[in-house]
Amino acid sequence: MPFLLPQTVTQETALQLQKDGLLNIAALRTIDCSALKDFDSTVLTVLLAWQKQLQADGQSLALQGPPEKLKVLANVYGVSALLGL
């Protein structure tokens, strides 16, 4: 079952989301981004932290349904390839 990102990810919620994800590391292999509506670049920080942990465990992260804004942000910050976007 994929890990579902919430509708909102901002500076105020990112740290807790990152911790929640790391507690459920097995579910992070697939992340459902379809609910993501209100977010800023901190979501990239969360995704990259998860990706780093998964890579350390010999696994990789896959994003499902990333919104166009997430793709644009990842491209602007130069992390598209790292996130498979």
PDB file of N, CA and C in Angstrom:
ATOM      1  N   MET A   1       0.852  -1.174   0.000  1.00  0.00           N
ATOM      2  CA  MET A   1       0.000   0.000   0.000  1.00  0.00           C
ATOM      3  C   MET A   1       0.899   1.240   0.000  1.00  0.00           C
ATOM      4  N   PRO A   2       0.626   2.211  -0.880  1.00  0.00           N
ATOM      5  CA  PRO A   2       1.459   3.410  -0.943  1.00  0.00           C
ATOM      6  C   PRO A   2       1.275   4.316   0.281  1.00  0.00           C
ATOM      7  N   PHE A   3       2.280   5.109   0.536  1.00  0.00           N
ATOM      8  CA  PHE A   3       2.228   6.130   1.576  1.00  0.00           C
ATOM      9  C   PHE A   3       1.534   7.340   0.963  1.00  0.00           C
ATOM     10  N   LEU A   4       0.477   7.807   1.564  1.00  0.00           N
ATOM     11  CA  LEU A   4      -0.317   8.903   1.012  1.00  0.00           C
ATOM     12  C   LEU A   4       0.144  10.238   1.583  1.00  0.00           C
ATOM     13  N   LEU A   5       0.587  11.131   0.692  1.00  0.00           N
ATOM     14  CA  LEU A   5       0.925  12.475   1.132  1.00  0.00           C
ATOM     15  C   LEU A   5      -0.362  13.234   1.441  1.00  0.00           C
ATOM     16  N   PRO A   6      -0.333  14.102   2.446  1.00  0.00           N
ATOM     17  CA  PRO A   6      -1.528  14.886   2.759  1.00  0.00           C
ATOM     18  C   PRO A   6      -1.754  15.981   1.716  1.00  0.00           C
ATOM     19  N   GLN A   7      -2.857  16.651   1.828  1.00  0.00           N
ATOM     20  CA  GLN A   7      -3.191  17.727   0.893  1.00  0.00           C
ATOM     21  C   GLN A   7      -2.242  18.910   1.052  1.00  0.00           C
ATOM     22  N   THR A   8      -1.794  19.176   2.278  1.00  0.00           N
ATOM     23  CA  THR A   8      -0.947  20.331   2.566  1.00  0.00           C
ATOM     24  C   THR A   8       0.389  19.890   3.158  1.00  0.00           C
ATOM     25  N   VAL A   9       1.466  20.393   2.567  1.00  0.00           N
ATOM     26  CA  VAL A   9       2.807  20.188   3.116  1.00  0.00           C
ATOM     27  C   VAL A   9       3.524  21.533   3.051  1.00  0.00           C
ATOM     28  N   THR A  10       3.751  22.119   4.220  1.00  0.00           N
ATOM     29  CA  THR A  10       4.441  23.401   4.321  1.00  0.00           C
ATOM     30  C   THR A  10       5.509  23.298   5.407  1.00  0.00           C
ATOM     31  N   GLN A  11       6.213  24.386   5.654  1.00  0.00           N
ATOM     32  CA  GLN A  11       7.237  24.389   6.702  1.00  0.00           C
ATOM     33  C   GLN A  11       6.666  23.944   8.037  1.00  0.00           C
ATOM     34  N   GLU A  12       5.439  24.299   8.308  1.00  0.00           N
ATOM     35  CA  GLU A  12       4.816  23.967   9.587  1.00  0.00           C
ATOM     36  C   GLU A  12       4.544  22.472   9.743  1.00  0.00           C
ATOM     37  N   THR A  13       4.342  21.771   8.653  1.00  0.00           N
ATOM     38  CA  THR A  13       3.970  20.350   8.724  1.00  0.00           C
ATOM     39  C   THR A  13       5.052  19.395   8.246  1.00  0.00           C
ATOM     40  N   ALA A  14       6.073  19.917   7.584  1.00  0.00           N
ATOM     41  CA  ALA A  14       7.057  19.062   6.920  1.00  0.00           C
ATOM     42  C   ALA A  14       7.846  18.173   7.876  1.00  0.00           C
ATOM     43  N   LEU A  15       8.299  18.710   8.993  1.00  0.00           N
ATOM     44  CA  LEU A  15       9.125  17.918   9.895  1.00  0.00           C
ATOM     45  C   LEU A  15       8.358  16.727  10.461  1.00  0.00           C
ATOM     46  N   GLN A  16       7.115  16.960  10.854  1.00  0.00           N
ATOM     47  CA  GLN A  16       6.312  15.853  11.382  1.00  0.00           C
ATOM     48  C   GLN A  16       6.025  14.822  10.298  1.00  0.00           C
ATOM     49  N   LEU A  17       5.744  15.289   9.095  1.00  0.00           N
ATOM     50  CA  LEU A  17       5.506  14.375   7.976  1.00  0.00           C
ATOM     51  C   LEU A  17       6.745  13.531   7.708  1.00  0.00           C
ATOM     52  N   GLN A  18       7.905  14.160   7.729  1.00  0.00           N
ATOM     53  CA  GLN A  18       9.146  13.421   7.499  1.00  0.00           C
ATOM     54  C   GLN A  18       9.336  12.343   8.557  1.00  0.00           C
ATOM     55  N   LYS A  19       9.106  12.686   9.804  1.00  0.00           N
ATOM     56  CA  LYS A  19       9.234  11.712  10.895  1.00  0.00           C
ATOM     57  C   LYS A  19       8.228  10.579  10.741  1.00  0.00           C
ATOM     58  N   ASP A  20       6.982  10.927  10.408  1.00  0.00           N
ATOM     59  CA  ASP A  20       5.947   9.901  10.221  1.00  0.00           C
ATOM     60  C   ASP A  20       6.343   8.926   9.114  1.00  0.00           C
ATOM     61  N   GLY A  21       6.875   9.467   8.038  1.00  0.00           N
ATOM     62  CA  GLY A  21       7.293   8.623   6.933  1.00  0.00           C
ATOM     63  C   GLY A  21       8.425   7.694   7.307  1.00  0.00           C
ATOM     64  N   LEU A  22       9.395   8.215   8.053  1.00  0.00           N
ATOM     65  CA  LEU A  22      10.530   7.382   8.446  1.00  0.00           C
ATOM     66  C   LEU A  22      10.111   6.283   9.407  1.00  0.00           C
ATOM     67  N   LEU A  23       9.055   6.521  10.162  1.00  0.00           N
ATOM     68  CA  LEU A  23       8.525   5.475  11.037  1.00  0.00           C
ATOM     69  C   LEU A  23       7.842   4.368  10.233  1.00  0.00           C
ATOM     70  N   ASN A  24       7.422   4.696   9.026  1.00  0.00           N
ATOM     71  CA  ASN A  24       6.747   3.744   8.137  1.00  0.00           C
ATOM     72  C   ASN A  24       7.580   3.532   6.876  1.00  0.00           C
ATOM     73  N   ILE A  25       8.868   3.362   7.050  1.00  0.00           N
ATOM     74  CA  ILE A  25       9.801   3.330   5.921  1.00  0.00           C
ATOM     75  C   ILE A  25       9.422   2.299   4.856  1.00  0.00           C
ATOM     76  N   ALA A  26       8.873   1.180   5.245  1.00  0.00           N
ATOM     77  CA  ALA A  26       8.497   0.163   4.257  1.00  0.00           C
ATOM     78  C   ALA A  26       7.435   0.679   3.292  1.00  0.00           C
ATOM     79  N   ALA A  27       6.546   1.542   3.775  1.00  0.00           N
ATOM     80  CA  ALA A  27       5.484   2.087   2.926  1.00  0.00           C
ATOM     81  C   ALA A  27       5.999   3.170   1.990  1.00  0.00           C
ATOM     82  N   LEU A  28       7.190   3.686   2.242  1.00  0.00           N
ATOM     83  CA  LEU A  28       7.702   4.806   1.450  1.00  0.00           C
ATOM     84  C   LEU A  28       8.195   4.422   0.068  1.00  0.00           C
ATOM     85  N   ARG A  29       8.280   3.151  -0.223  1.00  0.00           N
ATOM     86  CA  ARG A  29       8.756   2.781  -1.553  1.00  0.00           C
ATOM     87  C   ARG A  29       7.871   3.349  -2.643  1.00  0.00           C
ATOM     88  N   THR A  30       6.576   3.485  -2.353  1.00  0.00           N
ATOM     89  CA  THR A  30       5.643   4.114  -3.286  1.00  0.00           C
ATOM     90  C   THR A  30       4.891   5.200  -2.536  1.00  0.00           C
ATOM     91  N   ILE A  31       4.947   6.417  -3.071  1.00  0.00           N
ATOM     92  CA  ILE A  31       4.307   7.555  -2.427  1.00  0.00           C
ATOM     93  C   ILE A  31       3.229   8.103  -3.357  1.00  0.00           C
ATOM     94  N   ASP A  32       2.008   8.131  -2.856  1.00  0.00           N
ATOM     95  CA  ASP A  32       0.871   8.655  -3.608  1.00  0.00           C
ATOM     96  C   ASP A  32       0.795  10.160  -3.377  1.00  0.00           C
ATOM     97  N   CYS A  33       1.031  10.918  -4.425  1.00  0.00           N
ATOM     98  CA  CYS A  33       1.038  12.382  -4.352  1.00  0.00           C
ATOM     99  C   CYS A  33      -0.275  12.997  -4.832  1.00  0.00           C
ATOM    100  N   SER A  34      -1.254  12.181  -5.138  1.00  0.00           N
ATOM    101  CA  SER A  34      -2.471  12.676  -5.796  1.00  0.00           C
ATOM    102  C   SER A  34      -3.284  13.648  -4.952  1.00  0.00           C
ATOM    103  N   ALA A  35      -3.187  13.582  -3.627  1.00  0.00           N
ATOM    104  CA  ALA A  35      -3.952  14.496  -2.775  1.00  0.00           C
ATOM    105  C   ALA A  35      -3.242  15.827  -2.576  1.00  0.00           C
ATOM    106  N   LEU A  36      -1.979  15.912  -2.940  1.00  0.00           N
ATOM    107  CA  LEU A  36      -1.145  17.090  -2.698  1.00  0.00           C
ATOM    108  C   LEU A  36      -1.662  18.296  -3.479  1.00  0.00           C
ATOM    109  N   LYS A  37      -2.070  19.325  -2.757  1.00  0.00           N
ATOM    110  CA  LYS A  37      -2.620  20.533  -3.394  1.00  0.00           C
ATOM    111  C   LYS A  37      -1.910  21.803  -2.942  1.00  0.00           C
ATOM    112  N   ASP A  38      -1.721  21.954  -1.635  1.00  0.00           N
ATOM    113  CA  ASP A  38      -1.154  23.168  -1.048  1.00  0.00           C
ATOM    114  C   ASP A  38       0.221  22.826  -0.477  1.00  0.00           C
ATOM    115  N   PHE A  39       1.274  23.218  -1.186  1.00  0.00           N
ATOM    116  CA  PHE A  39       2.615  22.848  -0.753  1.00  0.00           C
ATOM    117  C   PHE A  39       3.633  23.848  -1.265  1.00  0.00           C
ATOM    118  N   ASP A  40       4.799  23.798  -0.641  1.00  0.00           N
ATOM    119  CA  ASP A  40       5.916  24.620  -1.081  1.00  0.00           C
ATOM    120  C   ASP A  40       7.134  23.714  -1.251  1.00  0.00           C
ATOM    121  N   SER A  41       8.280  24.307  -1.406  1.00  0.00           N
ATOM    122  CA  SER A  41       9.472  23.517  -1.697  1.00  0.00           C
ATOM    123  C   SER A  41       9.899  22.617  -0.536  1.00  0.00           C
ATOM    124  N   THR A  42       9.339  22.809   0.649  1.00  0.00           N
ATOM    125  CA  THR A  42       9.698  21.922   1.754  1.00  0.00           C
ATOM    126  C   THR A  42       9.283  20.480   1.482  1.00  0.00           C
ATOM    127  N   VAL A  43       8.316  20.275   0.621  1.00  0.00           N
ATOM    128  CA  VAL A  43       7.931  18.900   0.281  1.00  0.00           C
ATOM    129  C   VAL A  43       9.092  18.183  -0.401  1.00  0.00           C
ATOM    130  N   LEU A  44       9.909  18.926  -1.131  1.00  0.00           N
ATOM    131  CA  LEU A  44      11.077  18.325  -1.766  1.00  0.00           C
ATOM    132  C   LEU A  44      12.079  17.845  -0.715  1.00  0.00           C
ATOM    133  N   THR A  45      12.239  18.635   0.339  1.00  0.00           N
ATOM    134  CA  THR A  45      13.137  18.254   1.428  1.00  0.00           C
ATOM    135  C   THR A  45      12.696  16.940   2.058  1.00  0.00           C
ATOM    136  N   VAL A  46      11.400  16.816   2.272  1.00  0.00           N
ATOM    137  CA  VAL A  46      10.850  15.593   2.858  1.00  0.00           C
ATOM    138  C   VAL A  46      11.085  14.404   1.924  1.00  0.00           C
ATOM    139  N   LEU A  47      10.753  14.570   0.670  1.00  0.00           N
ATOM    140  CA  LEU A  47      10.913  13.485  -0.298  1.00  0.00           C
ATOM    141  C   LEU A  47      12.376  13.067  -0.438  1.00  0.00           C
ATOM    142  N   LEU A  48      13.280  14.042  -0.447  1.00  0.00           N
ATOM    143  CA  LEU A  48      14.698  13.723  -0.569  1.00  0.00           C
ATOM    144  C   LEU A  48      15.238  13.019   0.673  1.00  0.00           C
ATOM    145  N   ALA A  49      14.753  13.397   1.841  1.00  0.00           N
ATOM    146  CA  ALA A  49      15.165  12.711   3.071  1.00  0.00           C
ATOM    147  C   ALA A  49      14.707  11.256   3.039  1.00  0.00           C
ATOM    148  N   TRP A  50      13.484  11.041   2.587  1.00  0.00           N
ATOM    149  CA  TRP A  50      12.973   9.674   2.477  1.00  0.00           C
ATOM    150  C   TRP A  50      13.787   8.891   1.447  1.00  0.00           C
ATOM    151  N   GLN A  51      14.069   9.531   0.314  1.00  0.00           N
ATOM    152  CA  GLN A  51      14.845   8.871  -0.738  1.00  0.00           C
ATOM    153  C   GLN A  51      16.217   8.468  -0.198  1.00  0.00           C
ATOM    154  N   LYS A  52      16.857   9.348   0.548  1.00  0.00           N
ATOM    155  CA  LYS A  52      18.174   9.060   1.116  1.00  0.00           C
ATOM    156  C   LYS A  52      18.126   7.844   2.040  1.00  0.00           C
ATOM    157  N   GLN A  53      17.103   7.778   2.878  1.00  0.00           N
ATOM    158  CA  GLN A  53      16.974   6.645   3.796  1.00  0.00           C
ATOM    159  C   GLN A  53      16.714   5.350   3.039  1.00  0.00           C
ATOM    160  N   LEU A  54      15.850   5.421   2.058  1.00  0.00           N
ATOM    161  CA  LEU A  54      15.565   4.225   1.260  1.00  0.00           C
ATOM    162  C   LEU A  54      16.815   3.747   0.530  1.00  0.00           C
ATOM    163  N   GLN A  55      17.576   4.662  -0.036  1.00  0.00           N
ATOM    164  CA  GLN A  55      18.797   4.280  -0.735  1.00  0.00           C
ATOM    165  C   GLN A  55      19.788   3.624   0.219  1.00  0.00           C
ATOM    166  N   ALA A  56      19.857   4.128   1.447  1.00  0.00           N
ATOM    167  CA  ALA A  56      20.743   3.532   2.447  1.00  0.00           C
ATOM    168  C   ALA A  56      20.334   2.092   2.748  1.00  0.00           C
ATOM    169  N   ASP A  57      19.051   1.797   2.561  1.00  0.00           N
ATOM    170  CA  ASP A  57      18.530   0.452   2.780  1.00  0.00           C
ATOM    171  C   ASP A  57      18.501  -0.373   1.488  1.00  0.00           C
ATOM    172  N   GLY A  58      19.092   0.174   0.413  1.00  0.00           N
ATOM    173  CA  GLY A  58      19.145  -0.541  -0.859  1.00  0.00           C
ATOM    174  C   GLY A  58      17.837  -0.524  -1.627  1.00  0.00           C
ATOM    175  N   GLN A  59      16.979   0.441  -1.342  1.00  0.00           N
ATOM    176  CA  GLN A  59      15.677   0.540  -2.010  1.00  0.00           C
ATOM    177  C   GLN A  59      15.571   1.886  -2.727  1.00  0.00           C
ATOM    178  N   SER A  60      14.468   2.085  -3.413  1.00  0.00           N
ATOM    179  CA  SER A  60      14.251   3.358  -4.094  1.00  0.00           C
ATOM    180  C   SER A  60      12.816   3.818  -3.893  1.00  0.00           C
ATOM    181  N   LEU A  61      12.609   5.069  -4.191  1.00  0.00           N
ATOM    182  CA  LEU A  61      11.324   5.721  -3.992  1.00  0.00           C
ATOM    183  C   LEU A  61      10.631   5.882  -5.344  1.00  0.00           C
ATOM    184  N   ALA A  62       9.331   5.676  -5.396  1.00  0.00           N
ATOM    185  CA  ALA A  62       8.548   5.898  -6.610  1.00  0.00           C
ATOM    186  C   ALA A  62       7.372   6.800  -6.262  1.00  0.00           C
ATOM    187  N   LEU A  63       7.171   7.829  -7.068  1.00  0.00           N
ATOM    188  CA  LEU A  63       6.065   8.760  -6.838  1.00  0.00           C
ATOM    189  C   LEU A  63       4.920   8.464  -7.793  1.00  0.00           C
ATOM    190  N   GLN A  64       3.711   8.394  -7.251  1.00  0.00           N
ATOM    191  CA  GLN A  64       2.510   8.195  -8.060  1.00  0.00           C
ATOM    192  C   GLN A  64       1.705   9.482  -8.075  1.00  0.00           C
ATOM    193  N   GLY A  65       1.240   9.883  -9.230  1.00  0.00           N
ATOM    194  CA  GLY A  65       0.345  11.019  -9.361  1.00  0.00           C
ATOM    195  C   GLY A  65       0.903  12.350  -8.913  1.00  0.00           C
ATOM    196  N   PRO A  66       2.188  12.648  -9.205  1.00  0.00           N
ATOM    197  CA  PRO A  66       2.706  13.941  -8.768  1.00  0.00           C
ATOM    198  C   PRO A  66       2.046  15.085  -9.534  1.00  0.00           C
ATOM    199  N   PRO A  67       1.605  16.128  -8.825  1.00  0.00           N
ATOM    200  CA  PRO A  67       1.008  17.261  -9.513  1.00  0.00           C
ATOM    201  C   PRO A  67       2.064  18.014 -10.333  1.00  0.00           C
ATOM    202  N   GLU A  68       1.619  18.729 -11.323  1.00  0.00           N
ATOM    203  CA  GLU A  68       2.529  19.462 -12.208  1.00  0.00           C
ATOM    204  C   GLU A  68       3.414  20.430 -11.424  1.00  0.00           C
ATOM    205  N   LYS A  69       2.857  21.078 -10.413  1.00  0.00           N
ATOM    206  CA  LYS A  69       3.637  22.031  -9.614  1.00  0.00           C
ATOM    207  C   LYS A  69       4.817  21.334  -8.940  1.00  0.00           C
ATOM    208  N   LEU A  70       4.651  20.109  -8.501  1.00  0.00           N
ATOM    209  CA  LEU A  70       5.742  19.367  -7.877  1.00  0.00           C
ATOM    210  C   LEU A  70       6.835  19.085  -8.901  1.00  0.00           C
ATOM    211  N   LYS A  71       6.443  18.723 -10.093  1.00  0.00           N
ATOM    212  CA  LYS A  71       7.411  18.473 -11.159  1.00  0.00           C
ATOM    213  C   LYS A  71       8.201  19.738 -11.484  1.00  0.00           C
ATOM    214  N   VAL A  72       7.500  20.870 -11.542  1.00  0.00           N
ATOM    215  CA  VAL A  72       8.153  22.149 -11.841  1.00  0.00           C
ATOM    216  C   VAL A  72       9.135  22.515 -10.727  1.00  0.00           C
ATOM    217  N   LEU A  73       8.691  22.398  -9.468  1.00  0.00           N
ATOM    218  CA  LEU A  73       9.578  22.707  -8.340  1.00  0.00           C
ATOM    219  C   LEU A  73      10.821  21.820  -8.353  1.00  0.00           C
ATOM    220  N   ALA A  74      10.633  20.535  -8.589  1.00  0.00           N
ATOM    221  CA  ALA A  74      11.760  19.611  -8.621  1.00  0.00           C
ATOM    222  C   ALA A  74      12.725  19.988  -9.734  1.00  0.00           C
ATOM    223  N   ASN A  75      12.197  20.419 -10.858  1.00  0.00           N
ATOM    224  CA  ASN A  75      13.037  20.842 -11.978  1.00  0.00           C
ATOM    225  C   ASN A  75      13.800  22.121 -11.638  1.00  0.00           C
ATOM    226  N   VAL A  76      13.117  23.090 -11.042  1.00  0.00           N
ATOM    227  CA  VAL A  76      13.752  24.357 -10.664  1.00  0.00           C
ATOM    228  C   VAL A  76      14.894  24.119  -9.682  1.00  0.00           C
ATOM    229  N   TYR A  77      14.696  23.217  -8.728  1.00  0.00           N
ATOM    230  CA  TYR A  77      15.707  22.930  -7.722  1.00  0.00           C
ATOM    231  C   TYR A  77      16.722  21.879  -8.169  1.00  0.00           C
ATOM    232  N   GLY A  78      16.550  21.361  -9.377  1.00  0.00           N
ATOM    233  CA  GLY A  78      17.514  20.425  -9.940  1.00  0.00           C
ATOM    234  C   GLY A  78      17.489  19.027  -9.320  1.00  0.00           C
ATOM    235  N   VAL A  79      16.329  18.625  -8.806  1.00  0.00           N
ATOM    236  CA  VAL A  79      16.246  17.312  -8.156  1.00  0.00           C
ATOM    237  C   VAL A  79      15.271  16.369  -8.859  1.00  0.00           C
ATOM    238  N   SER A  80      14.851  16.720 -10.050  1.00  0.00           N
ATOM    239  CA  SER A  80      13.906  15.882 -10.795  1.00  0.00           C
ATOM    240  C   SER A  80      14.398  14.456 -10.958  1.00  0.00           C
ATOM    241  N   ALA A  81      15.633  14.310 -11.368  1.00  0.00           N
ATOM    242  CA  ALA A  81      16.181  12.968 -11.606  1.00  0.00           C
ATOM    243  C   ALA A  81      16.282  12.174 -10.300  1.00  0.00           C
ATOM    244  N   LEU A  82      16.631  12.844  -9.219  1.00  0.00           N
ATOM    245  CA  LEU A  82      16.742  12.160  -7.930  1.00  0.00           C
ATOM    246  C   LEU A  82      15.405  11.596  -7.481  1.00  0.00           C
ATOM    247  N   LEU A  83      14.326  12.279  -7.866  1.00  0.00           N
ATOM    248  CA  LEU A  83      12.987  11.854  -7.443  1.00  0.00           C
ATOM    249  C   LEU A  83      12.246  11.084  -8.542  1.00  0.00           C
ATOM    250  N   GLY A  84      12.915  10.828  -9.627  1.00  0.00           N
ATOM    251  CA  GLY A  84      12.287  10.075 -10.719  1.00  0.00           C
ATOM    252  C   GLY A  84      11.199  10.848 -11.428  1.00  0.00           C
ATOM    253  N   LEU A  85      11.344  12.170 -11.448  1.00  0.00           N
ATOM    254  CA  LEU A  85      10.361  13.000 -12.131  1.00  0.00           C
ATOM    255  C   LEU A  85      10.938  13.465 -13.460  1.00  0.00           C
TER     256      LEU A  85
END
